[in-house]
Amino acid sequence: MTEPLIELRSATKRFPGTGGGIHTAVKNLNLTVAPGEFVAVVGPTGCGKSTTLSLVSGLEPASAGQTFVHGTEVHGIPDGIGYMFQQDAVLPWKSVLDNVALGPRLRGASKAEAREKAAVWVRKVGLAGFEGYYTHQLSGGMRKRVALAQTLVNEPEILLMDEPFSALDVQTRQLMQDELLRVWAGTDVSDAPAGDSLPRRAESRERRNGHRAAVIFVTHDLEEAIVLADRVVVMTASPATVCGDFTVGLPRPRSVEDVRLTTEFRDIYKEIWETLRDQVEAARAKGASHVA
């Protein structure tokens, strides 16, 4: 068995609540993620999904229980973490290229080295020709591509994504889902030298796939979770813990549009929704009781 890259053991996180009370966001949370695995996390609004990412990233310490990365307990931000938030961090006074180059620069690369590395990732996310553009010249989808390149240019071993596409329209969101799958899986054959044969390019892809990032992807959209992930984890209404863990057996590589039309997708959706629906209804009932 492969040792988990990420492990939460009975993790609990409490915050100061309103009126001097204590709010428990997650309680006795157990979760493991293997190297290279894509795990989507779904659950009712406000149940603690984002808090889970904060525990893994070291941005928040656990109040009880433990969080491990590479078998080492997390006490601060671990090496090899990439974090993509719902709101992008694209700097308006920098060009696309310089936004992407910022990470390598902060890690000690020279300006020339950082820009060279950034140019590769700008091309990988489909923004070749837009290197000199500024944020006010970009669409929402293009900004998300910049944010994705900003995150991946540092070659993280763990990629944490907190509803990164939720603000996009349906069509752009689907394009970004396909883009994420393509870049994460290393299926961009243009990375290989132009003279390489197709078998050698395929071999190159397989080598890269062995080193792809482990992903925890938080979303409210069950369809998005299924088309992207190897596993879908369902959280309970707050305080959150895991109430369901489902394997997504859809073959890769995946086309988002094609996958949604399959019988297999519909069967998996129905199975997971049975568990998720109960938690959504429980959260609504809890909210209604607080109002009353």
C-alpha atoms as a PDB file:
ATOM      1  CA  MET A   1       0.000   0.000   0.000  1.00  0.00           C
ATOM      2  CA  THR A   2       1.247   3.482  -0.841  1.00  0.00           C
ATOM      3  CA  GLU A   3       1.712   5.671   2.200  1.00  0.00           C
ATOM      4  CA  PRO A   4      -0.671   8.648   2.142  1.00  0.00           C
ATOM      5  CA  LEU A   5       0.843  11.971   1.146  1.00  0.00           C
ATOM      6  CA  ILE A   6      -1.804  13.814   3.205  1.00  0.00           C
ATOM      7  CA  GLU A   7      -3.523  12.492   6.308  1.00  0.00           C
ATOM      8  CA  LEU A   8      -5.914  14.091   8.776  1.00  0.00           C
ATOM      9  CA  ARG A   9      -6.419  12.079  11.970  1.00  0.00           C
ATOM     10  CA  SER A  10      -9.433  13.027  14.072  1.00  0.00           C
ATOM     11  CA  ALA A  11      -8.753  16.665  13.145  1.00  0.00           C
ATOM     12  CA  THR A  12     -10.920  19.265  14.863  1.00  0.00           C
ATOM     13  CA  LYS A  13     -10.899  23.023  14.341  1.00  0.00           C
ATOM     14  CA  ARG A  14     -12.641  25.515  16.621  1.00  0.00           C
ATOM     15  CA  PHE A  15     -12.997  29.261  16.124  1.00  0.00           C
ATOM     16  CA  PRO A  16     -14.315  32.003  18.402  1.00  0.00           C
ATOM     17  CA  GLY A  17     -18.017  32.335  17.675  1.00  0.00           C
ATOM     18  CA  THR A  18     -20.448  35.194  17.988  1.00  0.00           C
ATOM     19  CA  GLY A  19     -21.435  36.302  21.467  1.00  0.00           C
ATOM     20  CA  GLY A  20     -18.315  34.839  23.027  1.00  0.00           C
ATOM     21  CA  GLY A  21     -19.103  31.238  22.128  1.00  0.00           C
ATOM     22  CA  ILE A  22     -17.036  28.663  20.238  1.00  0.00           C
ATOM     23  CA  HIS A  23     -17.798  27.530  16.693  1.00  0.00           C
ATOM     24  CA  THR A  24     -16.557  24.066  15.714  1.00  0.00           C
ATOM     25  CA  ALA A  25     -15.964  24.024  11.955  1.00  0.00           C
ATOM     26  CA  VAL A  26     -14.711  20.435  11.586  1.00  0.00           C
ATOM     27  CA  LYS A  27     -14.770  17.651  14.156  1.00  0.00           C
ATOM     28  CA  ASN A  28     -12.965  14.300  14.246  1.00  0.00           C
ATOM     29  CA  LEU A  29     -12.157  14.564  10.560  1.00  0.00           C
ATOM     30  CA  ASN A  30     -10.306  11.605   9.030  1.00  0.00           C
ATOM     31  CA  LEU A  31      -9.068  11.881   5.467  1.00  0.00           C
ATOM     32  CA  THR A  32      -6.168  10.504   3.427  1.00  0.00           C
ATOM     33  CA  VAL A  33      -4.904  11.485  -0.011  1.00  0.00           C
ATOM     34  CA  ALA A  34      -2.362   9.399  -1.930  1.00  0.00           C
ATOM     35  CA  PRO A  35       0.453  10.859  -4.057  1.00  0.00           C
ATOM     36  CA  GLY A  36      -0.940  11.977  -7.435  1.00  0.00           C
ATOM     37  CA  GLU A  37      -4.558  11.434  -6.378  1.00  0.00           C
ATOM     38  CA  PHE A  38      -7.326  13.894  -7.262  1.00  0.00           C
ATOM     39  CA  VAL A  39      -9.847  14.175  -4.408  1.00  0.00           C
ATOM     40  CA  ALA A  40     -12.911  16.439  -4.589  1.00  0.00           C
ATOM     41  CA  VAL A  41     -14.651  17.537  -1.384  1.00  0.00           C
ATOM     42  CA  VAL A  42     -18.358  18.427  -1.383  1.00  0.00           C
ATOM     43  CA  GLY A  43     -20.788  19.311   1.369  1.00  0.00           C
ATOM     44  CA  PRO A  44     -23.357  21.873   2.519  1.00  0.00           C
ATOM     45  CA  THR A  45     -22.497  25.569   2.448  1.00  0.00           C
ATOM     46  CA  GLY A  46     -20.431  26.592   5.465  1.00  0.00           C
ATOM     47  CA  CYS A  47     -19.741  23.035   6.607  1.00  0.00           C
ATOM     48  CA  GLY A  48     -15.958  23.396   6.880  1.00  0.00           C
ATOM     49  CA  LYS A  49     -14.630  22.377   3.475  1.00  0.00           C
ATOM     50  CA  SER A  50     -12.331  25.410   3.218  1.00  0.00           C
ATOM     51  CA  THR A  51     -11.200  24.874   6.813  1.00  0.00           C
ATOM     52  CA  THR A  52      -9.967  21.436   5.768  1.00  0.00           C
ATOM     53  CA  LEU A  53      -7.705  23.060   3.177  1.00  0.00           C
ATOM     54  CA  SER A  54      -6.434  25.496   5.813  1.00  0.00           C
ATOM     55  CA  LEU A  55      -5.440  22.578   8.050  1.00  0.00           C
ATOM     56  CA  VAL A  56      -3.556  20.817   5.240  1.00  0.00           C
ATOM     57  CA  SER A  57      -1.818  24.023   4.143  1.00  0.00           C
ATOM     58  CA  GLY A  58      -0.770  24.928   7.680  1.00  0.00           C
ATOM     59  CA  LEU A  59      -2.573  28.278   7.467  1.00  0.00           C
ATOM     60  CA  GLU A  60      -4.623  27.155  10.482  1.00  0.00           C
ATOM     61  CA  PRO A  61      -3.464  24.776  13.250  1.00  0.00           C
ATOM     62  CA  ALA A  62      -5.766  21.987  14.383  1.00  0.00           C
ATOM     63  CA  SER A  63      -7.477  22.568  17.746  1.00  0.00           C
ATOM     64  CA  ALA A  64      -7.384  18.821  18.336  1.00  0.00           C
ATOM     65  CA  GLY A  65      -6.240  15.812  16.352  1.00  0.00           C
ATOM     66  CA  GLN A  66      -3.405  15.908  13.832  1.00  0.00           C
ATOM     67  CA  THR A  67      -2.608  16.752  10.207  1.00  0.00           C
ATOM     68  CA  PHE A  68       0.292  15.062   8.425  1.00  0.00           C
ATOM     69  CA  VAL A  69       2.030  15.771   5.126  1.00  0.00           C
ATOM     70  CA  HIS A  70       4.696  13.267   4.064  1.00  0.00           C
ATOM     71  CA  GLY A  71       4.248  11.595   7.439  1.00  0.00           C
ATOM     72  CA  THR A  72       5.338  14.748   9.286  1.00  0.00           C
ATOM     73  CA  GLU A  73       2.873  16.602  11.486  1.00  0.00           C
ATOM     74  CA  VAL A  74       1.977  20.022  10.094  1.00  0.00           C
ATOM     75  CA  HIS A  75       3.197  22.970  12.191  1.00  0.00           C
ATOM     76  CA  GLY A  76       3.359  25.720   9.577  1.00  0.00           C
ATOM     77  CA  ILE A  77       3.205  25.707   5.783  1.00  0.00           C
ATOM     78  CA  PRO A  78       4.731  22.491   4.369  1.00  0.00           C
ATOM     79  CA  ASP A  79       7.040  22.555   1.367  1.00  0.00           C
ATOM     80  CA  GLY A  80       5.499  21.796  -2.015  1.00  0.00           C
ATOM     81  CA  ILE A  81       2.049  23.305  -1.374  1.00  0.00           C
ATOM     82  CA  GLY A  82       0.200  25.224  -4.089  1.00  0.00           C
ATOM     83  CA  TYR A  83      -3.045  27.000  -3.177  1.00  0.00           C
ATOM     84  CA  MET A  84      -5.595  28.329  -5.695  1.00  0.00           C
ATOM     85  CA  PHE A  85      -8.323  30.412  -4.065  1.00  0.00           C
ATOM     86  CA  GLN A  86     -11.798  31.360  -5.251  1.00  0.00           C
ATOM     87  CA  GLN A  87     -10.556  34.932  -5.727  1.00  0.00           C
ATOM     88  CA  ASP A  88      -7.435  35.096  -7.880  1.00  0.00           C
ATOM     89  CA  ALA A  89      -4.307  36.939  -6.791  1.00  0.00           C
ATOM     90  CA  VAL A  90      -3.425  38.414 -10.189  1.00  0.00           C
ATOM     91  CA  LEU A  91      -1.631  41.745  -9.687  1.00  0.00           C
ATOM     92  CA  PRO A  92      -3.138  44.464 -11.929  1.00  0.00           C
ATOM     93  CA  TRP A  93       0.138  46.377 -12.374  1.00  0.00           C
ATOM     94  CA  LYS A  94       1.989  43.332 -13.731  1.00  0.00           C
ATOM     95  CA  SER A  95       1.673  41.650 -17.101  1.00  0.00           C
ATOM     96  CA  VAL A  96       0.522  38.049 -17.497  1.00  0.00           C
ATOM     97  CA  LEU A  97       4.120  36.888 -17.850  1.00  0.00           C
ATOM     98  CA  ASP A  98       5.371  38.801 -14.816  1.00  0.00           C
ATOM     99  CA  ASN A  99       2.446  37.622 -12.690  1.00  0.00           C
ATOM    100  CA  VAL A 100       3.358  34.020 -13.427  1.00  0.00           C
ATOM    101  CA  ALA A 101       7.073  34.711 -12.962  1.00  0.00           C
ATOM    102  CA  LEU A 102       6.522  36.177  -9.498  1.00  0.00           C
ATOM    103  CA  GLY A 103       6.580  32.816  -7.702  1.00  0.00           C
ATOM    104  CA  PRO A 104       9.947  31.687  -9.107  1.00  0.00           C
ATOM    105  CA  ARG A 105      11.359  35.174  -8.420  1.00  0.00           C
ATOM    106  CA  LEU A 106      10.318  34.950  -4.768  1.00  0.00           C
ATOM    107  CA  ARG A 107      12.027  31.559  -4.609  1.00  0.00           C
ATOM    108  CA  GLY A 108      15.334  33.010  -5.726  1.00  0.00           C
ATOM    109  CA  ALA A 109      15.325  32.584  -9.510  1.00  0.00           C
ATOM    110  CA  SER A 110      16.878  35.311 -11.605  1.00  0.00           C
ATOM    111  CA  LYS A 111      14.535  37.515 -13.624  1.00  0.00           C
ATOM    112  CA  ALA A 112      15.530  35.786 -16.846  1.00  0.00           C
ATOM    113  CA  GLU A 113      15.097  32.294 -15.367  1.00  0.00           C
ATOM    114  CA  ALA A 114      11.739  33.173 -13.829  1.00  0.00           C
ATOM    115  CA  ARG A 115      10.395  34.670 -17.048  1.00  0.00           C
ATOM    116  CA  GLU A 116      11.601  31.678 -19.076  1.00  0.00           C
ATOM    117  CA  LYS A 117       9.836  29.271 -16.723  1.00  0.00           C
ATOM    118  CA  ALA A 118       6.733  31.458 -16.654  1.00  0.00           C
ATOM    119  CA  ALA A 119       6.588  31.543 -20.458  1.00  0.00           C
ATOM    120  CA  VAL A 120       6.364  27.734 -20.518  1.00  0.00           C
ATOM    121  CA  TRP A 121       3.396  27.733 -18.145  1.00  0.00           C
ATOM    122  CA  VAL A 122       1.654  30.626 -19.871  1.00  0.00           C
ATOM    123  CA  ARG A 123       1.722  28.503 -23.014  1.00  0.00           C
ATOM    124  CA  LYS A 124       0.605  25.362 -21.146  1.00  0.00           C
ATOM    125  CA  VAL A 125      -2.569  27.038 -19.891  1.00  0.00           C
ATOM    126  CA  GLY A 126      -3.447  28.323 -23.354  1.00  0.00           C
ATOM    127  CA  LEU A 127      -2.378  31.978 -23.068  1.00  0.00           C
ATOM    128  CA  ALA A 128       0.407  32.070 -25.655  1.00  0.00           C
ATOM    129  CA  GLY A 129       0.328  35.507 -27.281  1.00  0.00           C
ATOM    130  CA  PHE A 130      -1.086  37.193 -24.160  1.00  0.00           C
ATOM    131  CA  GLU A 131       2.166  37.400 -22.208  1.00  0.00           C
ATOM    132  CA  GLY A 132       2.208  41.218 -22.277  1.00  0.00           C
ATOM    133  CA  TYR A 133      -1.460  41.748 -21.385  1.00  0.00           C
ATOM    134  CA  TYR A 134      -2.636  43.250 -18.080  1.00  0.00           C
ATOM    135  CA  THR A 135      -5.582  42.135 -15.942  1.00  0.00           C
ATOM    136  CA  HIS A 136      -8.017  44.775 -17.233  1.00  0.00           C
ATOM    137  CA  GLN A 137      -7.465  43.358 -20.723  1.00  0.00           C
ATOM    138  CA  LEU A 138      -8.372  39.784 -19.701  1.00  0.00           C
ATOM    139  CA  SER A 139     -11.696  37.957 -19.457  1.00  0.00           C
ATOM    140  CA  GLY A 140     -12.653  36.105 -16.278  1.00  0.00           C
ATOM    141  CA  GLY A 141     -11.617  32.789 -17.792  1.00  0.00           C
ATOM    142  CA  MET A 142      -8.252  34.179 -18.868  1.00  0.00           C
ATOM    143  CA  ARG A 143      -7.618  35.481 -15.347  1.00  0.00           C
ATOM    144  CA  LYS A 144      -8.289  31.992 -14.020  1.00  0.00           C
ATOM    145  CA  ARG A 145      -5.768  30.598 -16.493  1.00  0.00           C
ATOM    146  CA  VAL A 146      -3.213  33.085 -15.172  1.00  0.00           C
ATOM    147  CA  ALA A 147      -4.026  32.026 -11.604  1.00  0.00           C
ATOM    148  CA  LEU A 148      -3.621  28.363 -12.571  1.00  0.00           C
ATOM    149  CA  ALA A 149      -0.244  29.079 -14.167  1.00  0.00           C
ATOM    150  CA  GLN A 150       0.790  31.092 -11.077  1.00  0.00           C
ATOM    151  CA  THR A 151       0.075  28.049  -8.935  1.00  0.00           C
ATOM    152  CA  LEU A 152       1.599  25.373 -11.157  1.00  0.00           C
ATOM    153  CA  VAL A 153       4.765  27.250 -12.174  1.00  0.00           C
ATOM    154  CA  ASN A 154       6.193  26.350  -8.750  1.00  0.00           C
ATOM    155  CA  GLU A 155       5.569  22.646  -9.496  1.00  0.00           C
ATOM    156  CA  PRO A 156       3.693  21.874  -6.262  1.00  0.00           C
ATOM    157  CA  GLU A 157       3.447  18.331  -5.002  1.00  0.00           C
ATOM    158  CA  ILE A 158       0.119  19.172  -3.366  1.00  0.00           C
ATOM    159  CA  LEU A 159      -2.452  21.387  -5.073  1.00  0.00           C
ATOM    160  CA  LEU A 160      -5.232  22.827  -2.908  1.00  0.00           C
ATOM    161  CA  MET A 161      -8.120  24.395  -4.829  1.00  0.00           C
ATOM    162  CA  ASP A 162     -10.946  26.245  -3.056  1.00  0.00           C
ATOM    163  CA  GLU A 163     -13.862  26.626  -5.497  1.00  0.00           C
ATOM    164  CA  PRO A 164     -11.525  28.175  -8.078  1.00  0.00           C
ATOM    165  CA  PHE A 165     -14.069  28.219 -10.926  1.00  0.00           C
ATOM    166  CA  SER A 166     -17.279  29.076  -9.036  1.00  0.00           C
ATOM    167  CA  ALA A 167     -17.466  32.687 -10.256  1.00  0.00           C
ATOM    168  CA  LEU A 168     -17.275  31.737 -13.941  1.00  0.00           C
ATOM    169  CA  ASP A 169     -20.185  31.280 -16.337  1.00  0.00           C
ATOM    170  CA  VAL A 170     -21.136  27.712 -17.197  1.00  0.00           C
ATOM    171  CA  GLN A 171     -19.334  27.558 -20.549  1.00  0.00           C
ATOM    172  CA  THR A 172     -16.097  29.106 -19.269  1.00  0.00           C
ATOM    173  CA  ARG A 173     -16.191  26.909 -16.204  1.00  0.00           C
ATOM    174  CA  GLN A 174     -16.355  23.789 -18.363  1.00  0.00           C
ATOM    175  CA  LEU A 175     -13.402  24.997 -20.437  1.00  0.00           C
ATOM    176  CA  MET A 176     -11.392  25.558 -17.239  1.00  0.00           C
ATOM    177  CA  GLN A 177     -12.283  22.093 -15.966  1.00  0.00           C
ATOM    178  CA  ASP A 178     -10.936  20.575 -19.176  1.00  0.00           C
ATOM    179  CA  GLU A 179      -7.868  22.809 -18.949  1.00  0.00           C
ATOM    180  CA  LEU A 180      -7.167  21.716 -15.376  1.00  0.00           C
ATOM    181  CA  LEU A 181      -7.488  18.035 -16.279  1.00  0.00           C
ATOM    182  CA  ARG A 182      -5.185  18.450 -19.273  1.00  0.00           C
ATOM    183  CA  VAL A 183      -2.461  20.290 -17.397  1.00  0.00           C
ATOM    184  CA  TRP A 184      -2.702  18.127 -14.270  1.00  0.00           C
ATOM    185  CA  ALA A 185      -2.495  14.887 -16.242  1.00  0.00           C
ATOM    186  CA  GLY A 186       0.416  16.087 -18.379  1.00  0.00           C
ATOM    187  CA  THR A 187      -1.327  15.451 -21.686  1.00  0.00           C
ATOM    188  CA  ASP A 188       0.190  18.447 -23.478  1.00  0.00           C
ATOM    189  CA  VAL A 189       2.284  16.663 -26.133  1.00  0.00           C
ATOM    190  CA  SER A 190       3.759  20.016 -27.158  1.00  0.00           C
ATOM    191  CA  ASP A 191       6.110  19.650 -24.178  1.00  0.00           C
ATOM    192  CA  ALA A 192       8.069  17.088 -26.167  1.00  0.00           C
ATOM    193  CA  PRO A 193      10.602  18.241 -28.747  1.00  0.00           C
ATOM    194  CA  ALA A 194       9.080  18.812 -32.166  1.00  0.00           C
ATOM    195  CA  GLY A 195      11.020  15.968 -33.762  1.00  0.00           C
ATOM    196  CA  ASP A 196       9.898  13.341 -31.242  1.00  0.00           C
ATOM    197  CA  SER A 197       7.780  10.458 -32.467  1.00  0.00           C
ATOM    198  CA  LEU A 198       4.307   9.931 -31.041  1.00  0.00           C
ATOM    199  CA  PRO A 199       5.378   6.823 -29.047  1.00  0.00           C
ATOM    200  CA  ARG A 200       8.192   8.835 -27.417  1.00  0.00           C
ATOM    201  CA  ARG A 201       5.738  11.636 -26.608  1.00  0.00           C
ATOM    202  CA  ALA A 202       3.364   9.125 -25.048  1.00  0.00           C
ATOM    203  CA  GLU A 203       6.242   7.725 -22.963  1.00  0.00           C
ATOM    204  CA  SER A 204       7.070  11.261 -21.847  1.00  0.00           C
ATOM    205  CA  ARG A 205       3.465  11.757 -20.750  1.00  0.00           C
ATOM    206  CA  GLU A 206       3.545   8.579 -18.690  1.00  0.00           C
ATOM    207  CA  ARG A 207       6.689   9.753 -16.875  1.00  0.00           C
ATOM    208  CA  ARG A 208       5.031  13.079 -16.057  1.00  0.00           C
ATOM    209  CA  ASN A 209       1.834  11.390 -14.898  1.00  0.00           C
ATOM    210  CA  GLY A 210       3.861   9.541 -12.271  1.00  0.00           C
ATOM    211  CA  HIS A 211       4.829  12.890 -10.742  1.00  0.00           C
ATOM    212  CA  ARG A 212       1.590  14.820 -11.005  1.00  0.00           C
ATOM    213  CA  ALA A 213       0.347  16.741  -7.999  1.00  0.00           C
ATOM    214  CA  ALA A 214      -2.058  15.378  -5.429  1.00  0.00           C
ATOM    215  CA  VAL A 215      -5.168  17.583  -5.517  1.00  0.00           C
ATOM    216  CA  ILE A 216      -7.820  18.452  -2.937  1.00  0.00           C
ATOM    217  CA  PHE A 217     -10.542  20.320  -4.820  1.00  0.00           C
ATOM    218  CA  VAL A 218     -13.348  21.952  -2.809  1.00  0.00           C
ATOM    219  CA  THR A 219     -16.572  22.599  -4.721  1.00  0.00           C
ATOM    220  CA  HIS A 220     -20.326  23.008  -4.209  1.00  0.00           C
ATOM    221  CA  ASP A 221     -20.950  21.465  -7.632  1.00  0.00           C
ATOM    222  CA  LEU A 222     -21.327  17.673  -7.501  1.00  0.00           C
ATOM    223  CA  GLU A 223     -21.081  17.385 -11.296  1.00  0.00           C
ATOM    224  CA  GLU A 224     -17.767  19.251 -11.222  1.00  0.00           C
ATOM    225  CA  ALA A 225     -16.493  16.975  -8.460  1.00  0.00           C
ATOM    226  CA  ILE A 226     -17.307  13.809 -10.397  1.00  0.00           C
ATOM    227  CA  VAL A 227     -15.881  14.864 -13.774  1.00  0.00           C
ATOM    228  CA  LEU A 228     -12.584  15.929 -12.188  1.00  0.00           C
ATOM    229  CA  ALA A 229     -11.829  13.546  -9.346  1.00  0.00           C
ATOM    230  CA  ASP A 230     -10.620  10.041  -8.593  1.00  0.00           C
ATOM    231  CA  ARG A 231     -12.591  10.180  -5.324  1.00  0.00           C
ATOM    232  CA  VAL A 232     -15.436  12.348  -4.044  1.00  0.00           C
ATOM    233  CA  VAL A 233     -15.559  12.926  -0.290  1.00  0.00           C
ATOM    234  CA  VAL A 234     -18.870  14.082   1.202  1.00  0.00           C
ATOM    235  CA  MET A 235     -18.861  16.138   4.412  1.00  0.00           C
ATOM    236  CA  THR A 236     -21.648  16.439   6.933  1.00  0.00           C
ATOM    237  CA  ALA A 237     -23.398  19.628   7.961  1.00  0.00           C
ATOM    238  CA  SER A 238     -21.316  21.672  10.411  1.00  0.00           C
ATOM    239  CA  PRO A 239     -19.410  20.619  12.417  1.00  0.00           C
ATOM    240  CA  ALA A 240     -18.074  18.718   9.444  1.00  0.00           C
ATOM    241  CA  THR A 241     -16.765  15.212   9.332  1.00  0.00           C
ATOM    242  CA  VAL A 242     -16.616  12.704   6.472  1.00  0.00           C
ATOM    243  CA  CYS A 243     -19.866  10.821   5.903  1.00  0.00           C
ATOM    244  CA  GLY A 244     -19.127   9.360   2.472  1.00  0.00           C
ATOM    245  CA  ASP A 245     -16.096   8.488   0.359  1.00  0.00           C
ATOM    246  CA  PHE A 246     -16.825   7.433  -3.227  1.00  0.00           C
ATOM    247  CA  THR A 247     -14.463   6.142  -5.904  1.00  0.00           C
ATOM    248  CA  VAL A 248     -15.045   7.630  -9.362  1.00  0.00           C
ATOM    249  CA  GLY A 249     -14.256   4.864 -11.813  1.00  0.00           C
ATOM    250  CA  LEU A 250     -14.556   6.935 -14.984  1.00  0.00           C
ATOM    251  CA  PRO A 251     -11.571   6.320 -17.281  1.00  0.00           C
ATOM    252  CA  ARG A 252      -8.913   8.957 -17.947  1.00  0.00           C
ATOM    253  CA  PRO A 253      -8.173  11.055 -19.919  1.00  0.00           C
ATOM    254  CA  ARG A 254     -11.614  12.658 -19.613  1.00  0.00           C
ATOM    255  CA  SER A 255     -13.517  15.173 -21.678  1.00  0.00           C
ATOM    256  CA  VAL A 256     -15.866  17.063 -19.367  1.00  0.00           C
ATOM    257  CA  GLU A 257     -18.637  17.325 -21.955  1.00  0.00           C
ATOM    258  CA  ASP A 258     -18.413  13.677 -22.983  1.00  0.00           C
ATOM    259  CA  VAL A 259     -18.233  12.319 -19.423  1.00  0.00           C
ATOM    260  CA  ARG A 260     -21.433  14.083 -18.380  1.00  0.00           C
ATOM    261  CA  LEU A 261     -23.387  12.263 -21.107  1.00  0.00           C
ATOM    262  CA  THR A 262     -22.457   8.743 -19.989  1.00  0.00           C
ATOM    263  CA  THR A 263     -24.600   6.311 -18.044  1.00  0.00           C
ATOM    264  CA  GLU A 264     -21.690   5.715 -15.683  1.00  0.00           C
ATOM    265  CA  PHE A 265     -21.619   9.415 -14.757  1.00  0.00           C
ATOM    266  CA  ARG A 266     -25.359   9.464 -14.043  1.00  0.00           C
ATOM    267  CA  ASP A 267     -25.095   6.340 -11.875  1.00  0.00           C
ATOM    268  CA  ILE A 268     -22.249   7.792  -9.810  1.00  0.00           C
ATOM    269  CA  TYR A 269     -24.097  11.104  -9.463  1.00  0.00           C
ATOM    270  CA  LYS A 270     -27.232   9.401  -8.122  1.00  0.00           C
ATOM    271  CA  GLU A 271     -25.214   7.333  -5.648  1.00  0.00           C
ATOM    272  CA  ILE A 272     -23.330  10.309  -4.200  1.00  0.00           C
ATOM    273  CA  TRP A 273     -26.372  12.623  -4.240  1.00  0.00           C
ATOM    274  CA  GLU A 274     -28.264  10.241  -1.945  1.00  0.00           C
ATOM    275  CA  THR A 275     -25.654  10.957   0.748  1.00  0.00           C
ATOM    276  CA  LEU A 276     -25.086  14.620  -0.061  1.00  0.00           C
ATOM    277  CA  ARG A 277     -28.811  15.463  -0.177  1.00  0.00           C
ATOM    278  CA  ASP A 278     -29.298  14.327   3.430  1.00  0.00           C
ATOM    279  CA  GLN A 279     -26.531  16.685   4.593  1.00  0.00           C
ATOM    280  CA  VAL A 280     -27.846  19.634   2.570  1.00  0.00           C
ATOM    281  CA  GLU A 281     -31.301  19.132   4.078  1.00  0.00           C
ATOM    282  CA  ALA A 282     -29.818  18.838   7.574  1.00  0.00           C
ATOM    283  CA  ALA A 283     -27.909  22.112   7.077  1.00  0.00           C
ATOM    284  CA  ARG A 284     -31.080  23.860   5.868  1.00  0.00           C
ATOM    285  CA  ALA A 285     -33.049  22.593   8.853  1.00  0.00           C
ATOM    286  CA  LYS A 286     -30.321  23.769  11.226  1.00  0.00           C
ATOM    287  CA  GLY A 287     -30.289  27.194   9.584  1.00  0.00           C
ATOM    288  CA  ALA A 288     -34.082  27.468   9.797  1.00  0.00           C
ATOM    289  CA  SER A 289     -34.040  26.603  13.497  1.00  0.00           C
ATOM    290  CA  HIS A 290     -31.500  29.344  14.160  1.00  0.00           C
ATOM    291  CA  VAL A 291     -33.697  31.874  12.361  1.00  0.00           C
ATOM    292  CA  ALA A 292     -36.730  30.782  14.319  1.00  0.00           C
END
